[in-house]
Amino acid sequence: MIGDVLMENFNLKTGLAGESQVKVSEENTALKYGSGTINVFATPAMIGLMEKASIEAVEKLLPEGFATVGTKIEVKHIAATPIGMNITAKAELLEIDNKKLKFSIEAYDDADKIGEGIHYRYIINLEDFMKKNEIKLKNLK
């Protein structure tokens, strides 16, 4: 149960899949991100795309007022991709442990598999989550 909502109301099941795509441009290179010195697809950009694919797999099935947040990622960036190629990230929901979701994630460019790993997300109640963050900010002042 999350708040007043039973987990059965989330309609989540293993095997759910999501996908996200982007074209490599100067805006998502390692040089632009500051994660490297070469104009190839940045590892942080790949990770963000993989997270987006995970969100695409489950977000539409969550009740109104709920979302997921990333909590852990273990990823290998195994091939470089030059500007001009397309990237596709894919995610598959492997496990559901109450509010904790585990995904298999992969990324491909037009020629090769470029990344793979495991990603964890956590189901949150948006209102409660944002209240906690507002309190966190107020406590700094």
Protein backbone atom coordinates (compact mmCIF):
# COMPACT_ATOMS: atom_id res chain seq x y z
CA MET A 1 0.00 0.00 0.00
CA ILE A 2 1.21 3.50 -0.85
CA GLY A 3 -0.75 6.11 1.02
CA ASP A 4 -4.38 5.09 0.52
CA VAL A 5 -3.69 3.25 -2.74
CA LEU A 6 -3.18 -0.52 -2.86
CA MET A 7 -0.30 -1.81 -5.00
CA GLU A 8 -2.87 -3.84 -6.99
CA ASN A 9 -4.22 -0.52 -8.31
CA PHE A 10 -0.92 0.24 -10.02
CA ASN A 11 -1.39 -2.35 -12.81
CA LEU A 12 2.36 -2.98 -12.96
CA LYS A 13 3.75 -6.34 -14.03
CA THR A 14 7.16 -7.66 -14.98
CA GLY A 15 7.91 -7.54 -18.66
CA LEU A 16 6.61 -4.01 -19.17
CA ALA A 17 8.88 -2.21 -21.64
CA GLY A 18 9.68 1.36 -22.56
CA GLU A 19 11.77 3.08 -25.18
CA SER A 20 13.26 6.53 -25.71
CA GLN A 21 15.22 7.99 -28.61
CA VAL A 22 17.50 10.92 -29.34
CA LYS A 23 19.85 12.03 -32.11
CA VAL A 24 23.43 12.77 -31.12
CA SER A 25 24.16 16.48 -31.51
CA GLU A 26 26.66 18.91 -30.07
CA GLU A 27 24.20 19.44 -27.18
CA ASN A 28 24.54 15.89 -25.80
CA THR A 29 28.25 15.20 -26.27
CA ALA A 30 30.80 14.45 -23.59
CA LEU A 31 32.48 17.77 -24.39
CA LYS A 32 29.23 19.72 -23.80
CA TYR A 33 28.34 17.80 -20.61
CA GLY A 34 31.86 18.21 -19.23
CA SER A 35 32.13 14.44 -18.77
CA GLY A 36 34.89 14.15 -21.39
CA THR A 37 36.86 16.03 -23.98
CA ILE A 38 35.52 14.43 -27.18
CA ASN A 39 32.48 15.21 -29.34
CA VAL A 40 30.79 11.81 -28.91
CA PHE A 41 27.56 10.88 -27.09
CA ALA A 42 28.01 11.59 -23.37
CA THR A 43 27.65 8.87 -20.76
CA PRO A 44 25.37 11.12 -18.63
CA ALA A 45 23.15 11.65 -21.70
CA MET A 46 22.96 7.90 -22.25
CA ILE A 47 22.03 7.33 -18.60
CA GLY A 48 19.31 9.99 -18.79
CA LEU A 49 17.90 8.36 -21.92
CA MET A 50 17.89 4.96 -20.19
CA GLU A 51 16.06 6.47 -17.21
CA LYS A 52 13.52 8.01 -19.59
CA ALA A 53 12.92 4.58 -21.19
CA SER A 54 12.28 3.16 -17.69
CA ILE A 55 9.80 5.93 -16.97
CA GLU A 56 8.05 5.25 -20.30
CA ALA A 57 7.59 1.61 -19.27
CA VAL A 58 5.54 2.32 -16.13
CA GLU A 59 4.53 5.95 -15.68
CA LYS A 60 1.34 5.75 -17.75
CA LEU A 61 0.07 2.91 -15.54
CA LEU A 62 0.45 4.72 -12.23
CA PRO A 63 -2.60 6.28 -10.60
CA GLU A 64 -2.90 10.07 -10.76
CA GLY A 65 -0.67 11.73 -8.19
CA PHE A 66 2.07 9.09 -8.35
CA ALA A 67 5.39 8.97 -10.18
CA THR A 68 8.73 7.19 -9.98
CA VAL A 69 12.16 8.51 -9.07
CA GLY A 70 15.49 6.95 -9.92
CA THR A 71 17.39 5.58 -6.93
CA LYS A 72 20.26 3.53 -8.35
CA ILE A 73 21.89 2.84 -11.68
CA GLU A 74 24.65 0.42 -12.63
CA VAL A 75 25.67 0.97 -16.24
CA LYS A 76 28.43 0.19 -18.71
CA HIS A 77 29.02 2.56 -21.63
CA ILE A 78 30.61 0.09 -24.05
CA ALA A 79 30.84 1.95 -27.38
CA ALA A 80 31.23 5.55 -28.54
CA THR A 81 28.70 7.21 -30.84
CA PRO A 82 29.52 10.15 -33.13
CA ILE A 83 27.38 13.23 -33.77
CA GLY A 84 24.64 12.49 -36.30
CA MET A 85 23.73 8.96 -35.20
CA ASN A 86 20.47 8.04 -33.49
CA ILE A 87 20.33 6.48 -30.03
CA THR A 88 17.55 4.21 -28.77
CA ALA A 89 17.33 3.27 -25.09
CA LYS A 90 15.20 0.32 -24.01
CA ALA A 91 14.05 -0.68 -20.55
CA GLU A 92 12.26 -3.76 -19.28
CA LEU A 93 10.70 -4.10 -15.82
CA LEU A 94 12.34 -7.16 -14.24
CA GLU A 95 11.14 -7.07 -10.62
CA ILE A 96 8.53 -5.37 -8.45
CA ASP A 97 9.20 -5.28 -4.70
CA ASN A 98 6.37 -3.20 -3.23
CA LYS A 99 7.41 0.35 -4.30
CA LYS A 100 10.86 -0.64 -5.61
CA LEU A 101 11.14 -1.36 -9.35
CA LYS A 102 14.13 -3.01 -11.05
CA PHE A 103 14.76 -2.56 -14.79
CA SER A 104 17.11 -4.02 -17.34
CA ILE A 105 18.37 -1.14 -19.51
CA GLU A 106 20.15 -1.08 -22.86
CA ALA A 107 21.12 1.55 -25.41
CA TYR A 108 21.88 1.20 -29.11
CA ASP A 109 23.12 3.53 -31.81
CA ASP A 110 22.52 2.95 -35.51
CA ALA A 111 25.36 0.39 -35.62
CA ASP A 112 26.00 -1.12 -32.17
CA LYS A 113 24.86 -1.78 -28.65
CA ILE A 114 26.46 1.10 -26.73
CA GLY A 115 25.34 0.55 -23.16
CA GLU A 116 23.71 -1.83 -20.72
CA GLY A 117 22.90 -2.09 -17.07
CA ILE A 118 20.39 -2.25 -14.24
CA HIS A 119 18.27 0.63 -13.00
CA TYR A 120 16.12 0.98 -9.88
CA ARG A 121 13.18 3.33 -9.50
CA TYR A 122 10.90 3.95 -6.54
CA ILE A 123 7.18 4.76 -6.67
CA ILE A 124 6.33 7.98 -4.85
CA ASN A 125 3.26 9.97 -3.95
CA LEU A 126 4.00 13.31 -5.65
CA GLU A 127 2.32 15.50 -3.04
CA ASP A 128 4.14 13.84 -0.12
CA PHE A 129 7.45 13.89 -2.02
CA MET A 130 7.21 17.58 -2.84
CA LYS A 131 6.18 18.47 0.75
CA LYS A 132 9.31 16.73 2.05
CA ASN A 133 11.43 18.70 -0.40
CA GLU A 134 9.80 22.00 0.55
CA ILE A 135 10.53 21.25 4.22
CA LYS A 136 14.14 20.40 3.30
CA LEU A 137 14.52 23.75 1.57
CA LYS A 138 12.87 25.70 4.43
CA ASN A 139 15.23 24.06 6.93
CA LEU A 140 18.19 25.62 5.11
CA LYS A 141 16.94 29.16 5.71
